[in-house]
Amino acid sequence: ATTRTITAILENFQREDGVVEIPKALRPYLEPLKAAPKDYIYPRKRG
């Protein structure tokens, strides 16, 4: 199910320039970015 979710986010939030808009609901769990290239999304650092 995780793979389908990631695929859906990439398909639905990708802009023309290839940048993926991070949905507001997921922003607290990722680095403090509003958008990132699809190969540059990292998990949030803990600690």
PDB file of N, CA and C in Angstrom:
ATOM      1  N   ALA A   1       0.820  -1.199   0.000  1.00  0.00           N
ATOM      2  CA  ALA A   1       0.000   0.000   0.000  1.00  0.00           C
ATOM      3  C   ALA A   1       0.865   1.265   0.000  1.00  0.00           C
ATOM      4  N   THR A   2       2.034   1.185   0.602  1.00  0.00           N
ATOM      5  CA  THR A   2       2.914   2.349   0.651  1.00  0.00           C
ATOM      6  C   THR A   2       3.370   2.761  -0.742  1.00  0.00           C
ATOM      7  N   THR A   3       3.702   1.782  -1.565  1.00  0.00           N
ATOM      8  CA  THR A   3       4.143   2.082  -2.927  1.00  0.00           C
ATOM      9  C   THR A   3       3.048   2.788  -3.708  1.00  0.00           C
ATOM     10  N   ARG A   4       1.824   2.349  -3.549  1.00  0.00           N
ATOM     11  CA  ARG A   4       0.697   2.993  -4.244  1.00  0.00           C
ATOM     12  C   ARG A   4       0.496   4.419  -3.758  1.00  0.00           C
ATOM     13  N   THR A   5       0.665   4.632  -2.478  1.00  0.00           N
ATOM     14  CA  THR A   5       0.500   5.973  -1.919  1.00  0.00           C
ATOM     15  C   THR A   5       1.558   6.924  -2.463  1.00  0.00           C
ATOM     16  N   ILE A   6       2.805   6.485  -2.465  1.00  0.00           N
ATOM     17  CA  ILE A   6       3.884   7.325  -2.989  1.00  0.00           C
ATOM     18  C   ILE A   6       3.668   7.610  -4.466  1.00  0.00           C
ATOM     19  N   THR A   7       3.264   6.599  -5.220  1.00  0.00           N
ATOM     20  CA  THR A   7       2.993   6.785  -6.645  1.00  0.00           C
ATOM     21  C   THR A   7       1.883   7.803  -6.854  1.00  0.00           C
ATOM     22  N   ALA A   8       0.821   7.712  -6.062  1.00  0.00           N
ATOM     23  CA  ALA A   8      -0.297   8.650  -6.190  1.00  0.00           C
ATOM     24  C   ALA A   8       0.141  10.079  -5.875  1.00  0.00           C
ATOM     25  N   ILE A   9       0.982  10.247  -4.858  1.00  0.00           N
ATOM     26  CA  ILE A   9       1.478  11.585  -4.516  1.00  0.00           C
ATOM     27  C   ILE A   9       2.320  12.139  -5.659  1.00  0.00           C
ATOM     28  N   LEU A  10       3.226  11.322  -6.194  1.00  0.00           N
ATOM     29  CA  LEU A  10       4.073  11.786  -7.294  1.00  0.00           C
ATOM     30  C   LEU A  10       3.249  12.149  -8.517  1.00  0.00           C
ATOM     31  N   GLU A  11       2.232  11.351  -8.827  1.00  0.00           N
ATOM     32  CA  GLU A  11       1.405  11.619 -10.009  1.00  0.00           C
ATOM     33  C   GLU A  11       0.530  12.848  -9.832  1.00  0.00           C
ATOM     34  N   ASN A  12      -0.006  13.042  -8.644  1.00  0.00           N
ATOM     35  CA  ASN A  12      -0.974  14.114  -8.432  1.00  0.00           C
ATOM     36  C   ASN A  12      -0.375  15.444  -8.009  1.00  0.00           C
ATOM     37  N   PHE A  13       0.834  15.438  -7.485  1.00  0.00           N
ATOM     38  CA  PHE A  13       1.426  16.670  -6.980  1.00  0.00           C
ATOM     39  C   PHE A  13       2.656  17.104  -7.760  1.00  0.00           C
ATOM     40  N   GLN A  14       2.960  16.443  -8.870  1.00  0.00           N
ATOM     41  CA  GLN A  14       4.127  16.819  -9.665  1.00  0.00           C
ATOM     42  C   GLN A  14       3.775  17.958 -10.609  1.00  0.00           C
ATOM     43  N   ARG A  15       4.641  18.987 -10.622  1.00  0.00           N
ATOM     44  CA  ARG A  15       4.436  20.127 -11.504  1.00  0.00           C
ATOM     45  C   ARG A  15       5.098  19.863 -12.852  1.00  0.00           C
ATOM     46  N   GLU A  16       4.896  20.769 -13.783  1.00  0.00           N
ATOM     47  CA  GLU A  16       5.468  20.653 -15.131  1.00  0.00           C
ATOM     48  C   GLU A  16       6.991  20.573 -15.119  1.00  0.00           C
ATOM     49  N   ASP A  17       7.625  21.268 -14.169  1.00  0.00           N
ATOM     50  CA  ASP A  17       9.089  21.289 -14.112  1.00  0.00           C
ATOM     51  C   ASP A  17       9.687  20.081 -13.386  1.00  0.00           C
ATOM     52  N   GLY A  18       8.858  19.128 -12.983  1.00  0.00           N
ATOM     53  CA  GLY A  18       9.330  17.916 -12.333  1.00  0.00           C
ATOM     54  C   GLY A  18       9.376  17.982 -10.820  1.00  0.00           C
ATOM     55  N   VAL A  19       9.149  19.166 -10.265  1.00  0.00           N
ATOM     56  CA  VAL A  19       9.153  19.333  -8.815  1.00  0.00           C
ATOM     57  C   VAL A  19       7.856  18.771  -8.245  1.00  0.00           C
ATOM     58  N   VAL A  20       7.968  18.092  -7.122  1.00  0.00           N
ATOM     59  CA  VAL A  20       6.798  17.519  -6.463  1.00  0.00           C
ATOM     60  C   VAL A  20       6.411  18.409  -5.285  1.00  0.00           C
ATOM     61  N   GLU A  21       5.174  18.880  -5.289  1.00  0.00           N
ATOM     62  CA  GLU A  21       4.649  19.641  -4.159  1.00  0.00           C
ATOM     63  C   GLU A  21       4.350  18.642  -3.043  1.00  0.00           C
ATOM     64  N   ILE A  22       4.866  18.899  -1.864  1.00  0.00           N
ATOM     65  CA  ILE A  22       4.619  18.008  -0.741  1.00  0.00           C
ATOM     66  C   ILE A  22       3.269  18.379  -0.137  1.00  0.00           C
ATOM     67  N   PRO A  23       2.344  17.413  -0.035  1.00  0.00           N
ATOM     68  CA  PRO A  23       1.038  17.716   0.552  1.00  0.00           C
ATOM     69  C   PRO A  23       1.188  18.251   1.978  1.00  0.00           C
ATOM     70  N   LYS A  24       0.330  19.198   2.342  1.00  0.00           N
ATOM     71  CA  LYS A  24       0.418  19.826   3.661  1.00  0.00           C
ATOM     72  C   LYS A  24       0.375  18.809   4.794  1.00  0.00           C
ATOM     73  N   ALA A  25      -0.400  17.746   4.629  1.00  0.00           N
ATOM     74  CA  ALA A  25      -0.517  16.730   5.682  1.00  0.00           C
ATOM     75  C   ALA A  25       0.791  15.982   5.919  1.00  0.00           C
ATOM     76  N   LEU A  26       1.672  15.941   4.928  1.00  0.00           N
ATOM     77  CA  LEU A  26       2.933  15.211   5.062  1.00  0.00           C
ATOM     78  C   LEU A  26       4.112  16.098   5.431  1.00  0.00           C
ATOM     79  N   ARG A  27       3.965  17.389   5.328  1.00  0.00           N
ATOM     80  CA  ARG A  27       5.086  18.305   5.590  1.00  0.00           C
ATOM     81  C   ARG A  27       5.682  18.172   6.992  1.00  0.00           C
ATOM     82  N   PRO A  28       4.889  17.911   8.034  1.00  0.00           N
ATOM     83  CA  PRO A  28       5.498  17.759   9.358  1.00  0.00           C
ATOM     84  C   PRO A  28       6.451  16.565   9.459  1.00  0.00           C
ATOM     85  N   TYR A  29       6.328  15.603   8.566  1.00  0.00           N
ATOM     86  CA  TYR A  29       7.142  14.392   8.627  1.00  0.00           C
ATOM     87  C   TYR A  29       8.355  14.423   7.708  1.00  0.00           C
ATOM     88  N   LEU A  30       8.478  15.452   6.903  1.00  0.00           N
ATOM     89  CA  LEU A  30       9.598  15.579   5.973  1.00  0.00           C
ATOM     90  C   LEU A  30      10.429  16.799   6.337  1.00  0.00           C
ATOM     91  N   GLU A  31      11.556  16.938   5.685  1.00  0.00           N
ATOM     92  CA  GLU A  31      12.366  18.142   5.881  1.00  0.00           C
ATOM     93  C   GLU A  31      11.473  19.358   5.638  1.00  0.00           C
ATOM     94  N   PRO A  32      11.796  20.495   6.187  1.00  0.00           N
ATOM     95  CA  PRO A  32      10.918  21.671   6.064  1.00  0.00           C
ATOM     96  C   PRO A  32      10.889  22.243   4.640  1.00  0.00           C
ATOM     97  N   LEU A  33      10.366  21.478   3.726  1.00  0.00           N
ATOM     98  CA  LEU A  33      10.252  21.887   2.326  1.00  0.00           C
ATOM     99  C   LEU A  33       8.795  21.901   1.916  1.00  0.00           C
ATOM    100  N   LYS A  34       8.433  22.833   1.064  1.00  0.00           N
ATOM    101  CA  LYS A  34       7.092  22.841   0.498  1.00  0.00           C
ATOM    102  C   LYS A  34       7.065  22.110  -0.828  1.00  0.00           C
ATOM    103  N   ALA A  35       8.223  22.047  -1.472  1.00  0.00           N
ATOM    104  CA  ALA A  35       8.335  21.345  -2.748  1.00  0.00           C
ATOM    105  C   ALA A  35       9.769  20.859  -2.882  1.00  0.00           C
ATOM    106  N   ALA A  36       9.935  19.775  -3.618  1.00  0.00           N
ATOM    107  CA  ALA A  36      11.273  19.225  -3.813  1.00  0.00           C
ATOM    108  C   ALA A  36      11.304  18.420  -5.099  1.00  0.00           C
ATOM    109  N   PRO A  37      12.462  18.368  -5.744  1.00  0.00           N
ATOM    110  CA  PRO A  37      12.581  17.461  -6.883  1.00  0.00           C
ATOM    111  C   PRO A  37      12.279  16.042  -6.415  1.00  0.00           C
ATOM    112  N   LYS A  38      11.702  15.239  -7.258  1.00  0.00           N
ATOM    113  CA  LYS A  38      11.270  13.915  -6.820  1.00  0.00           C
ATOM    114  C   LYS A  38      12.411  13.032  -6.335  1.00  0.00           C
ATOM    115  N   ASP A  39      13.643  13.335  -6.687  1.00  0.00           N
ATOM    116  CA  ASP A  39      14.770  12.546  -6.200  1.00  0.00           C
ATOM    117  C   ASP A  39      15.453  13.192  -4.994  1.00  0.00           C
ATOM    118  N   TYR A  40      14.807  14.155  -4.342  1.00  0.00           N
ATOM    119  CA  TYR A  40      15.422  14.893  -3.240  1.00  0.00           C
ATOM    120  C   TYR A  40      14.520  14.963  -2.014  1.00  0.00           C
ATOM    121  N   ILE A  41      13.645  14.022  -1.830  1.00  0.00           N
ATOM    122  CA  ILE A  41      12.759  14.011  -0.670  1.00  0.00           C
ATOM    123  C   ILE A  41      13.358  13.063   0.367  1.00  0.00           C
ATOM    124  N   TYR A  42      13.679  13.604   1.542  1.00  0.00           N
ATOM    125  CA  TYR A  42      14.281  12.818   2.610  1.00  0.00           C
ATOM    126  C   TYR A  42      13.358  12.781   3.826  1.00  0.00           C
ATOM    127  N   PRO A  43      13.480  11.747   4.663  1.00  0.00           N
ATOM    128  CA  PRO A  43      12.730  11.743   5.923  1.00  0.00           C
ATOM    129  C   PRO A  43      13.227  12.852   6.843  1.00  0.00           C
ATOM    130  N   ARG A  44      12.376  13.281   7.734  1.00  0.00           N
ATOM    131  CA  ARG A  44      12.746  14.297   8.707  1.00  0.00           C
ATOM    132  C   ARG A  44      13.805  13.736   9.647  1.00  0.00           C
ATOM    133  N   LYS A  45      14.781  14.547  10.002  1.00  0.00           N
ATOM    134  CA  LYS A  45      15.819  14.126  10.943  1.00  0.00           C
ATOM    135  C   LYS A  45      15.261  14.166  12.356  1.00  0.00           C
ATOM    136  N   ARG A  46      15.566  13.151  13.128  1.00  0.00           N
ATOM    137  CA  ARG A  46      15.076  13.085  14.506  1.00  0.00           C
ATOM    138  C   ARG A  46      16.195  13.385  15.474  1.00  0.00           C
ATOM    139  N   GLY A  47      15.809  13.988  16.585  1.00  0.00           N
ATOM    140  CA  GLY A  47      16.757  14.188  17.651  1.00  0.00           C
ATOM    141  C   GLY A  47      17.348  15.505  17.652  1.00  0.00           C
TER     142      GLY A  47
END
